[in-house]
Amino acid sequence: MLDVGLNNELSYWVVDHLNAVRIWPTGLMGLWKKFQVSLKIIVKHKLFDSSMTLAVLLNTVVMGMESHGMSEEVKDFTI
């Protein structure tokens, strides 16, 4: 039988510490992984999310302005 006298606090610290350590592959795959991680940090930022929402909103407004004032005949032709 194994001894069950583990220190839970120390065990949790070790697991948290090991989860915080990032091991990078070497060579081209290492560069690719660093690029992916950097891109993920940017994409998960709230400023990026807000700017994408703004871009979609502006795109919708511009597309609506493009067809505003056209006759139905011209609208049918362009679609």
N, C-alpha and C. Protein backbone atom coordinates (compact mmCIF):
# COMPACT_ATOMS: atom_id res chain seq x y z
N MET A 1 0.83 -1.18 0.00
CA MET A 1 0.00 0.00 0.00
C MET A 1 0.87 1.24 0.00
N LEU A 2 0.36 2.26 -0.67
CA LEU A 2 1.06 3.54 -0.70
C LEU A 2 0.69 4.38 0.50
N ASP A 3 1.64 5.18 0.92
CA ASP A 3 1.39 6.09 2.02
C ASP A 3 0.48 7.21 1.53
N VAL A 4 -0.58 7.50 2.27
CA VAL A 4 -1.56 8.50 1.87
C VAL A 4 -1.27 9.85 2.53
N GLY A 5 -0.15 10.01 3.13
CA GLY A 5 0.16 11.24 3.85
C GLY A 5 0.66 12.35 2.94
N LEU A 6 -0.08 12.69 1.90
CA LEU A 6 0.31 13.76 1.00
C LEU A 6 -0.10 15.11 1.57
N ASN A 7 0.70 16.09 1.28
CA ASN A 7 0.40 17.46 1.68
C ASN A 7 -0.40 18.09 0.55
N ASN A 8 -1.71 18.26 0.75
CA ASN A 8 -2.58 18.77 -0.30
C ASN A 8 -2.20 20.19 -0.74
N GLU A 9 -1.86 21.03 0.21
CA GLU A 9 -1.50 22.40 -0.12
C GLU A 9 -0.27 22.44 -1.03
N LEU A 10 0.73 21.65 -0.71
CA LEU A 10 1.94 21.59 -1.51
C LEU A 10 1.64 20.97 -2.88
N SER A 11 0.79 19.97 -2.91
CA SER A 11 0.42 19.33 -4.17
C SER A 11 -0.27 20.31 -5.10
N TYR A 12 -1.20 21.11 -4.57
CA TYR A 12 -1.89 22.10 -5.39
C TYR A 12 -0.91 23.17 -5.88
N TRP A 13 0.04 23.57 -5.05
CA TRP A 13 1.03 24.55 -5.47
C TRP A 13 1.86 24.02 -6.63
N VAL A 14 2.29 22.76 -6.53
CA VAL A 14 3.10 22.15 -7.58
C VAL A 14 2.30 22.09 -8.89
N VAL A 15 1.05 21.68 -8.81
CA VAL A 15 0.22 21.58 -10.02
C VAL A 15 0.02 22.96 -10.63
N ASP A 16 -0.27 23.97 -9.81
CA ASP A 16 -0.45 25.33 -10.32
C ASP A 16 0.83 25.86 -10.96
N HIS A 17 1.95 25.58 -10.34
CA HIS A 17 3.23 26.03 -10.87
C HIS A 17 3.53 25.35 -12.21
N LEU A 18 3.31 24.07 -12.30
CA LEU A 18 3.57 23.35 -13.55
C LEU A 18 2.62 23.80 -14.66
N ASN A 19 1.39 24.13 -14.32
CA ASN A 19 0.45 24.62 -15.33
C ASN A 19 0.85 25.99 -15.86
N ALA A 20 1.57 26.76 -15.06
CA ALA A 20 1.99 28.10 -15.48
C ALA A 20 3.22 28.06 -16.39
N VAL A 21 3.96 26.97 -16.37
CA VAL A 21 5.17 26.85 -17.17
C VAL A 21 4.78 26.46 -18.59
N ARG A 22 5.30 27.19 -19.56
CA ARG A 22 5.02 26.88 -20.96
C ARG A 22 6.31 26.34 -21.59
N ILE A 23 6.22 25.19 -22.18
CA ILE A 23 7.38 24.59 -22.82
C ILE A 23 7.21 24.76 -24.32
N TRP A 24 8.17 25.46 -24.94
CA TRP A 24 8.09 25.74 -26.36
C TRP A 24 8.82 24.68 -27.16
N PRO A 25 8.21 24.20 -28.23
CA PRO A 25 8.94 23.29 -29.13
C PRO A 25 10.09 24.04 -29.80
N THR A 26 11.05 23.31 -30.30
CA THR A 26 12.19 23.94 -30.95
C THR A 26 11.96 24.01 -32.46
N GLY A 27 12.73 24.86 -33.10
CA GLY A 27 12.69 24.96 -34.55
C GLY A 27 11.48 25.72 -35.07
N LEU A 28 11.06 25.35 -36.26
CA LEU A 28 9.97 26.04 -36.94
C LEU A 28 8.66 25.88 -36.18
N MET A 29 8.42 24.73 -35.59
CA MET A 29 7.19 24.53 -34.82
C MET A 29 7.15 25.43 -33.59
N GLY A 30 8.30 25.72 -33.00
CA GLY A 30 8.35 26.63 -31.87
C GLY A 30 7.95 28.05 -32.26
N LEU A 31 8.44 28.50 -33.42
CA LEU A 31 8.05 29.83 -33.91
C LEU A 31 6.57 29.88 -34.22
N TRP A 32 6.05 28.82 -34.82
CA TRP A 32 4.63 28.77 -35.15
C TRP A 32 3.79 28.80 -33.88
N LYS A 33 4.21 28.06 -32.85
CA LYS A 33 3.47 28.01 -31.58
C LYS A 33 3.49 29.39 -30.90
N LYS A 34 4.62 30.07 -30.92
CA LYS A 34 4.71 31.41 -30.33
C LYS A 34 3.80 32.38 -31.07
N PHE A 35 3.74 32.26 -32.40
CA PHE A 35 2.84 33.10 -33.19
C PHE A 35 1.39 32.83 -32.81
N GLN A 36 1.02 31.56 -32.68
CA GLN A 36 -0.35 31.19 -32.32
C GLN A 36 -0.73 31.75 -30.95
N VAL A 37 0.16 31.62 -29.99
CA VAL A 37 -0.13 32.10 -28.63
C VAL A 37 -0.28 33.62 -28.64
N SER A 38 0.59 34.32 -29.36
CA SER A 38 0.50 35.78 -29.44
C SER A 38 -0.81 36.20 -30.09
N LEU A 39 -1.19 35.52 -31.17
CA LEU A 39 -2.43 35.83 -31.86
C LEU A 39 -3.64 35.55 -30.97
N LYS A 40 -3.59 34.48 -30.20
CA LYS A 40 -4.69 34.14 -29.31
C LYS A 40 -4.86 35.21 -28.23
N ILE A 41 -3.76 35.75 -27.73
CA ILE A 41 -3.83 36.81 -26.72
C ILE A 41 -4.50 38.05 -27.30
N ILE A 42 -4.15 38.39 -28.54
CA ILE A 42 -4.74 39.56 -29.19
C ILE A 42 -6.22 39.36 -29.43
N VAL A 43 -6.59 38.19 -29.95
CA VAL A 43 -7.98 37.93 -30.33
C VAL A 43 -8.89 37.86 -29.10
N LYS A 44 -8.38 37.42 -27.98
CA LYS A 44 -9.21 37.31 -26.77
C LYS A 44 -9.34 38.63 -26.02
N HIS A 45 -8.66 39.68 -26.46
CA HIS A 45 -8.72 40.97 -25.78
C HIS A 45 -10.06 41.65 -26.08
N LYS A 46 -10.60 42.35 -25.10
CA LYS A 46 -11.92 42.98 -25.27
C LYS A 46 -11.89 44.10 -26.30
N LEU A 47 -10.75 44.75 -26.50
CA LEU A 47 -10.63 45.80 -27.50
C LEU A 47 -10.80 45.21 -28.91
N PHE A 48 -10.24 44.04 -29.14
CA PHE A 48 -10.39 43.37 -30.44
C PHE A 48 -11.86 43.02 -30.68
N ASP A 49 -12.52 42.52 -29.67
CA ASP A 49 -13.94 42.16 -29.80
C ASP A 49 -14.78 43.40 -30.12
N SER A 50 -14.50 44.48 -29.44
CA SER A 50 -15.24 45.73 -29.69
C SER A 50 -14.97 46.26 -31.09
N SER A 51 -13.72 46.19 -31.54
CA SER A 51 -13.41 46.70 -32.87
C SER A 51 -14.05 45.84 -33.96
N MET A 52 -14.15 44.55 -33.77
CA MET A 52 -14.82 43.69 -34.75
C MET A 52 -16.32 43.98 -34.79
N THR A 53 -16.92 44.23 -33.63
CA THR A 53 -18.34 44.58 -33.59
C THR A 53 -18.57 45.90 -34.30
N LEU A 54 -17.69 46.86 -34.09
CA LEU A 54 -17.79 48.15 -34.76
C LEU A 54 -17.65 48.00 -36.27
N ALA A 55 -16.73 47.15 -36.71
CA ALA A 55 -16.53 46.92 -38.14
C ALA A 55 -17.78 46.32 -38.78
N VAL A 56 -18.42 45.38 -38.11
CA VAL A 56 -19.64 44.78 -38.64
C VAL A 56 -20.76 45.82 -38.70
N LEU A 57 -20.86 46.63 -37.67
CA LEU A 57 -21.89 47.68 -37.65
C LEU A 57 -21.67 48.69 -38.77
N LEU A 58 -20.44 49.15 -38.94
CA LEU A 58 -20.14 50.09 -40.01
C LEU A 58 -20.39 49.48 -41.38
N ASN A 59 -20.05 48.23 -41.55
CA ASN A 59 -20.30 47.54 -42.81
C ASN A 59 -21.79 47.49 -43.12
N THR A 60 -22.59 47.21 -42.12
CA THR A 60 -24.04 47.17 -42.30
C THR A 60 -24.58 48.54 -42.70
N VAL A 61 -24.09 49.60 -42.05
CA VAL A 61 -24.54 50.96 -42.36
C VAL A 61 -24.14 51.32 -43.79
N VAL A 62 -22.91 51.03 -44.18
CA VAL A 62 -22.44 51.37 -45.53
C VAL A 62 -23.23 50.61 -46.58
N MET A 63 -23.50 49.33 -46.33
CA MET A 63 -24.28 48.55 -47.30
C MET A 63 -25.71 49.09 -47.39
N GLY A 64 -26.27 49.54 -46.28
CA GLY A 64 -27.61 50.13 -46.30
C GLY A 64 -27.64 51.46 -47.03
N MET A 65 -26.59 52.25 -46.86
CA MET A 65 -26.52 53.54 -47.54
C MET A 65 -26.35 53.37 -49.05
N GLU A 66 -25.69 52.30 -49.43
CA GLU A 66 -25.43 52.05 -50.85
C GLU A 66 -26.73 51.86 -51.63
N SER A 67 -27.71 51.22 -51.03
CA SER A 67 -28.95 50.95 -51.76
C SER A 67 -30.06 51.95 -51.41
N HIS A 68 -29.80 52.88 -50.51
CA HIS A 68 -30.82 53.87 -50.14
C HIS A 68 -31.06 54.82 -51.31
N GLY A 69 -32.31 55.03 -51.67
CA GLY A 69 -32.65 55.95 -52.74
C GLY A 69 -32.69 55.32 -54.12
N MET A 70 -32.36 54.06 -54.24
CA MET A 70 -32.43 53.39 -55.54
C MET A 70 -33.87 52.97 -55.81
N SER A 71 -34.21 52.94 -57.07
CA SER A 71 -35.54 52.44 -57.41
C SER A 71 -35.53 50.92 -57.28
N GLU A 72 -36.70 50.35 -57.16
CA GLU A 72 -36.82 48.90 -57.01
C GLU A 72 -36.26 48.17 -58.23
N GLU A 73 -36.40 48.78 -59.40
CA GLU A 73 -35.89 48.16 -60.63
C GLU A 73 -34.38 48.02 -60.58
N VAL A 74 -33.69 49.05 -60.12
CA VAL A 74 -32.23 49.02 -60.03
C VAL A 74 -31.80 48.06 -58.93
N LYS A 75 -32.50 48.04 -57.81
CA LYS A 75 -32.17 47.14 -56.71
C LYS A 75 -32.24 45.69 -57.17
N ASP A 76 -33.27 45.33 -57.92
CA ASP A 76 -33.40 43.96 -58.41
C ASP A 76 -32.28 43.61 -59.35
N PHE A 77 -31.82 44.58 -60.13
CA PHE A 77 -30.74 44.33 -61.08
C PHE A 77 -29.41 44.11 -60.37
N THR A 78 -29.16 44.85 -59.29
CA THR A 78 -27.87 44.75 -58.59
C THR A 78 -27.78 43.51 -57.73
N ILE A 79 -28.89 42.95 -57.31
CA ILE A 79 -28.84 41.76 -56.47
C ILE A 79 -28.77 40.60 -57.35
